[in-house]
Structures are given as C-alpha cells and as structure tokens.
Amino acid sequence: MPIELEVAGDEKAASRRAAELIAAAGGEAERERNHFTVAMSGGRSPWAMLAILGELEEMPWDKTELFQVDERVASPGSPDRNLTHMVLGLSMDHQAALRPMPVTQRDLEAAAREYEASLPDRFDLVHLGLGPDGHTASLVPGDPVLEVTDRRVALTGEYQGHPRMTLTYPALNDARRIVWLVTGPDKVEPLQKLLAGDESIPAGRVRSENMIVVADEAAAG
C-alpha cells in the first residue's frame, strides 16, 4: 500500500500535525476498544510533538499506554535517553501512561524479553522517525537486528555511542497505523527512498497496512 504524504510548512507545523493524527487515532481507539496503545520514537521533533499532544483534548490519556519504540542503553536521567525527554515533555498526570524500556537492567536480553511480554498483541499506532542514513527506530544499516523475525523487541550493537533496545519489524509491521514525522533538509534523500519503498534503507522495509508521513517543506524538498 502506498505511503500517504502530508507536507507542513516547517518543523513546528509538522510536529503539530503529527500530534493531531495521533490524538485522532487515540480517540478512535478509545471508541472502538476503550484503550489506546501507542509506541513513540525519540528525537527533537518528536519531543515537541509529545508536548503538543499533551495539550490536545482528543487524546485519551486515561486510556493510553505509551510504549517506547527504542531506547539507548544509558543511565537513568541521562540526556541520551529518550525517556528523559519524554518525561520532561509530559505533565505528571500524563506520565502515568509511560511504559519505559528496561535498559538499566544488568541482563539486557532478559529485559528485552520482559518488555516484549508487556507489549499489546498489536499496537494501535506507532510513531517513527527517519535518520539521514535511512534508519528508523534503532533499526540501523548493517546491524544484525535488521534480520530479527522471531522477536518483537531486540538489542542492537553500538550505534552513535550506545547499544540500544528496539522494536523490530514484526512489531512495527503489525501496527494498525504508523505515523512518520520527518523534518529537516538532511532527510530529502532518505524520505524519497522511504516513499518509494526502497529496501536499501532500513526504513524502506517497514510494511504496515496504514502509513502516513508528515514532513516539513525542508524534508520534502
């Protein structure tokens, strides 16, 4: 199925539009299943999006479980942790929805299995970003995690200074909906490959039934 593309004027507008799409999906999930399961990636634009999401009335926070798409293996409170910024972006009431990846445990393989066991059978929505190298989640070029098909959560090798825990393709591809937020001029080439379904980049191997990309004008070229 082709990926739908929406272009917003700038990064702020793109973040707001992505937040609106997530809130709308949350309202739909609440009406249909009385529960909303969403997994969110890290990054500067997503942190702004999360803050906006906290202000939207349609978002059913009391019925939401907010999982992490990926996380760096780093100490609690580290600025390198996605969780650190997610906590800063949410009110105390909304933080109750967070389901953090247990990356501080000594046995990380066991921690990954533990997190996988906590996942819903199928995410209502997954938010993804796109790296200049074509990675998404922590599915990075050349890492063995790209070939994991029997696990929904796995560990990566070191990437940009940290090993990571990440959702794998089976978890992403089974999501009811995926919202990509792609901003910045360094994303023009990988975005074109993503839209073309180019499997030479990790993001191009995501194959959910309902995917929309919200991009700013800089990324859309």
Protein backbone atom coordinates (compact mmCIF):
# COMPACT_ATOMS: atom_id res chain seq x y z
CA MET A 1 0.00 0.00 0.00
CA PRO A 2 1.46 3.43 -0.94
CA ILE A 3 2.54 5.69 1.90
CA GLU A 4 0.48 8.85 2.20
CA LEU A 5 2.47 12.09 2.39
CA GLU A 6 1.41 15.34 4.06
CA VAL A 7 3.70 18.35 3.85
CA ALA A 8 3.60 21.03 6.54
CA GLY A 9 5.34 24.38 6.30
CA ASP A 10 8.01 23.93 8.95
CA GLU A 11 9.13 21.65 11.76
CA LYS A 12 6.71 23.15 14.28
CA ALA A 13 3.74 22.75 11.94
CA ALA A 14 4.75 19.19 11.10
CA SER A 15 5.03 18.31 14.79
CA ARG A 16 1.57 19.73 15.45
CA ARG A 17 0.03 17.84 12.54
CA ALA A 18 1.58 14.56 13.67
CA ALA A 19 0.28 15.16 17.19
CA GLU A 20 -3.20 15.78 15.79
CA LEU A 21 -3.09 12.50 13.87
CA ILE A 22 -2.00 10.58 16.97
CA ALA A 23 -4.73 12.17 19.10
CA ALA A 24 -7.35 11.36 16.46
CA ALA A 25 -6.19 7.73 16.38
CA GLY A 26 -6.37 7.70 20.18
CA GLY A 27 -9.95 8.92 20.13
CA GLU A 28 -10.84 6.27 17.57
CA ALA A 29 -9.19 3.51 19.60
CA GLU A 30 -10.98 4.65 22.74
CA ARG A 31 -14.35 4.49 20.98
CA GLU A 32 -13.68 1.11 19.39
CA ARG A 33 -11.63 -0.72 22.06
CA ASN A 34 -11.74 1.56 25.14
CA HIS A 35 -7.94 1.54 25.12
CA PHE A 36 -5.12 3.11 23.09
CA THR A 37 -1.67 1.58 22.71
CA VAL A 38 0.96 3.75 21.08
CA ALA A 39 4.73 3.45 20.71
CA MET A 40 6.82 6.57 20.27
CA SER A 41 10.31 7.20 18.96
CA GLY A 42 12.79 9.75 20.28
CA GLY A 43 14.31 12.84 18.69
CA ARG A 44 13.94 16.63 18.84
CA SER A 45 10.83 16.92 16.65
CA PRO A 46 9.03 14.06 18.43
CA TRP A 47 9.68 15.69 21.81
CA ALA A 48 7.98 18.85 20.55
CA MET A 49 5.18 16.70 19.14
CA LEU A 50 4.74 14.98 22.50
CA ALA A 51 4.40 18.32 24.29
CA ILE A 52 1.71 19.35 21.82
CA LEU A 53 -0.02 16.00 22.24
CA GLY A 54 -0.28 16.68 25.96
CA GLU A 55 -2.38 19.74 25.20
CA LEU A 56 -4.88 18.13 22.82
CA GLU A 57 -8.25 17.36 24.37
CA GLU A 58 -8.99 14.49 22.00
CA MET A 59 -6.05 12.46 23.30
CA PRO A 60 -7.49 9.90 25.79
CA TRP A 61 -4.60 9.91 28.26
CA ASP A 62 -6.51 7.97 30.90
CA LYS A 63 -6.97 5.10 28.40
CA THR A 64 -3.48 5.27 26.89
CA GLU A 65 -0.38 3.12 27.26
CA LEU A 66 2.66 4.89 25.80
CA PHE A 67 5.47 2.49 24.95
CA GLN A 68 8.92 3.26 23.60
CA VAL A 69 9.93 2.35 20.06
CA ASP A 70 13.59 2.35 21.05
CA GLU A 71 15.96 3.45 23.77
CA ARG A 72 19.67 3.91 24.30
CA VAL A 73 21.33 1.80 26.96
CA ALA A 74 22.31 4.60 29.34
CA SER A 75 21.90 5.54 32.97
CA PRO A 76 18.60 6.86 34.41
CA GLY A 77 18.14 10.56 33.72
CA SER A 78 20.84 10.64 31.06
CA PRO A 79 20.22 13.27 28.36
CA ASP A 80 20.97 10.50 25.87
CA ARG A 81 17.86 8.61 26.99
CA ASN A 82 14.64 9.13 25.03
CA LEU A 83 12.74 8.55 28.26
CA THR A 84 14.39 11.56 29.90
CA HIS A 85 12.93 13.87 27.27
CA MET A 86 9.57 12.13 27.23
CA VAL A 87 9.21 12.71 30.96
CA LEU A 88 10.15 16.36 30.55
CA GLY A 89 7.58 16.77 27.79
CA LEU A 90 4.63 15.32 29.71
CA SER A 91 2.70 16.52 32.73
CA MET A 92 2.78 14.38 35.86
CA ASP A 93 -0.73 13.10 35.10
CA HIS A 94 0.22 12.04 31.58
CA GLN A 95 3.46 10.37 32.70
CA ALA A 96 1.33 7.59 34.18
CA ALA A 97 0.83 6.34 30.61
CA LEU A 98 4.55 5.72 30.07
CA ARG A 99 5.83 2.16 29.66
CA PRO A 100 9.64 2.61 29.65
CA MET A 101 12.06 0.16 28.12
CA PRO A 102 14.07 -1.50 30.95
CA VAL A 103 17.52 -0.64 29.63
CA THR A 104 19.15 -0.27 33.05
CA GLN A 105 18.82 -3.96 33.95
CA ARG A 106 22.01 -5.98 34.15
CA ASP A 107 20.69 -8.77 31.90
CA LEU A 108 19.57 -6.86 28.81
CA GLU A 109 18.49 -9.95 26.88
CA ALA A 110 16.14 -10.85 29.72
CA ALA A 111 15.00 -7.22 29.86
CA ALA A 112 14.15 -7.27 26.15
CA ARG A 113 12.10 -10.44 26.64
CA GLU A 114 10.36 -8.83 29.61
CA TYR A 115 9.44 -5.76 27.59
CA GLU A 116 8.22 -7.88 24.68
CA ALA A 117 5.92 -9.75 27.05
CA SER A 118 4.39 -6.44 28.14
CA LEU A 119 3.51 -5.32 24.62
CA PRO A 120 -0.04 -5.39 23.29
CA ASP A 121 -0.86 -8.04 20.72
CA ARG A 122 -0.98 -5.23 18.17
CA PHE A 123 -0.17 -1.53 18.53
CA ASP A 124 -2.93 0.87 17.61
CA LEU A 125 -0.28 3.32 16.40
CA VAL A 126 3.48 3.54 16.12
CA HIS A 127 5.28 6.84 15.62
CA LEU A 128 8.52 6.61 13.66
CA GLY A 129 11.25 8.99 12.62
CA LEU A 130 13.78 8.77 9.82
CA GLY A 131 17.54 9.21 10.09
CA PRO A 132 19.78 10.72 7.40
CA ASP A 133 21.20 7.21 6.92
CA GLY A 134 17.73 5.75 6.43
CA HIS A 135 17.40 4.17 9.86
CA THR A 136 14.14 4.13 11.76
CA ALA A 137 13.53 3.08 15.37
CA SER A 138 17.00 1.68 16.14
CA LEU A 139 16.95 -0.45 13.03
CA VAL A 140 20.23 0.83 11.66
CA PRO A 141 22.14 -0.05 8.49
CA GLY A 142 24.26 -3.15 8.76
CA ASP A 143 23.11 -4.24 12.22
CA PRO A 144 22.04 -7.88 12.70
CA VAL A 145 18.82 -6.61 14.33
CA LEU A 146 17.52 -5.98 10.81
CA GLU A 147 17.20 -9.73 10.29
CA VAL A 148 15.32 -10.48 13.52
CA THR A 149 11.97 -12.02 12.61
CA ASP A 150 11.14 -14.10 15.70
CA ARG A 151 11.25 -11.33 18.31
CA ARG A 152 9.32 -8.07 18.66
CA VAL A 153 11.98 -6.47 20.88
CA ALA A 154 15.71 -6.92 20.39
CA LEU A 155 19.09 -5.39 21.17
CA THR A 156 21.40 -3.69 18.71
CA GLY A 157 25.13 -3.27 18.55
CA GLU A 158 26.64 0.09 19.43
CA TYR A 159 25.33 2.96 17.31
CA GLN A 160 26.29 6.59 17.85
CA GLY A 161 27.87 5.74 21.17
CA HIS A 162 25.27 3.39 22.68
CA PRO A 163 23.83 -0.08 22.19
CA ARG A 164 20.05 0.12 22.06
CA MET A 165 16.83 -1.73 22.67
CA THR A 166 14.33 -1.51 19.83
CA LEU A 167 11.08 -2.76 18.44
CA THR A 168 11.73 -4.95 15.41
CA TYR A 169 9.99 -5.25 12.05
CA PRO A 170 7.41 -7.80 13.28
CA ALA A 171 6.15 -5.32 15.90
CA LEU A 172 6.18 -2.36 13.52
CA ASN A 173 4.62 -4.08 10.55
CA ASP A 174 1.70 -5.38 12.60
CA ALA A 175 0.67 -1.91 13.84
CA ARG A 176 -2.77 -0.71 12.83
CA ARG A 177 -1.26 2.63 11.83
CA ILE A 178 2.16 4.24 11.52
CA VAL A 179 2.76 7.99 11.62
CA TRP A 180 6.17 9.10 10.41
CA LEU A 181 7.45 12.56 11.36
CA VAL A 182 10.27 13.64 9.05
CA THR A 183 11.87 17.08 9.24
CA GLY A 184 15.00 18.84 8.04
CA PRO A 185 16.92 19.16 4.76
CA ASP A 186 19.15 16.18 5.56
CA LYS A 187 16.10 13.92 5.17
CA VAL A 188 15.34 14.66 1.49
CA GLU A 189 17.11 11.62 0.06
CA PRO A 190 16.03 9.06 2.68
CA LEU A 191 12.45 10.35 2.52
CA GLN A 192 12.31 9.78 -1.22
CA LYS A 193 13.61 6.24 -0.68
CA LEU A 194 11.06 5.64 2.07
CA LEU A 195 8.19 6.79 -0.13
CA ALA A 196 9.45 4.52 -2.91
CA GLY A 197 9.61 1.51 -0.60
CA ASP A 198 13.33 1.24 -1.24
CA GLU A 199 14.58 -1.64 0.90
CA SER A 200 18.19 -0.48 0.65
CA ILE A 201 17.44 1.61 3.75
CA PRO A 202 16.05 0.07 6.95
CA ALA A 203 13.02 2.38 6.94
CA GLY A 204 12.07 1.09 3.49
CA ARG A 205 11.42 -2.36 4.94
CA VAL A 206 8.57 -1.19 7.19
CA ARG A 207 5.36 -2.55 5.69
CA SER A 208 2.36 -1.61 7.83
CA GLU A 209 -1.11 -1.55 6.23
CA ASN A 210 -1.72 2.15 7.03
CA MET A 211 1.21 4.58 6.90
CA ILE A 212 1.33 8.35 6.65
CA VAL A 213 4.38 10.59 6.53
CA VAL A 214 4.16 14.12 7.88
CA ALA A 215 7.13 16.07 6.54
CA ASP A 216 8.14 19.70 6.65
CA GLU A 217 8.96 21.52 3.42
CA ALA A 218 12.70 21.16 4.02
CA ALA A 219 12.48 17.36 4.14
CA ALA A 220 10.01 17.16 1.26
CA GLY A 221 12.46 19.06 -0.92
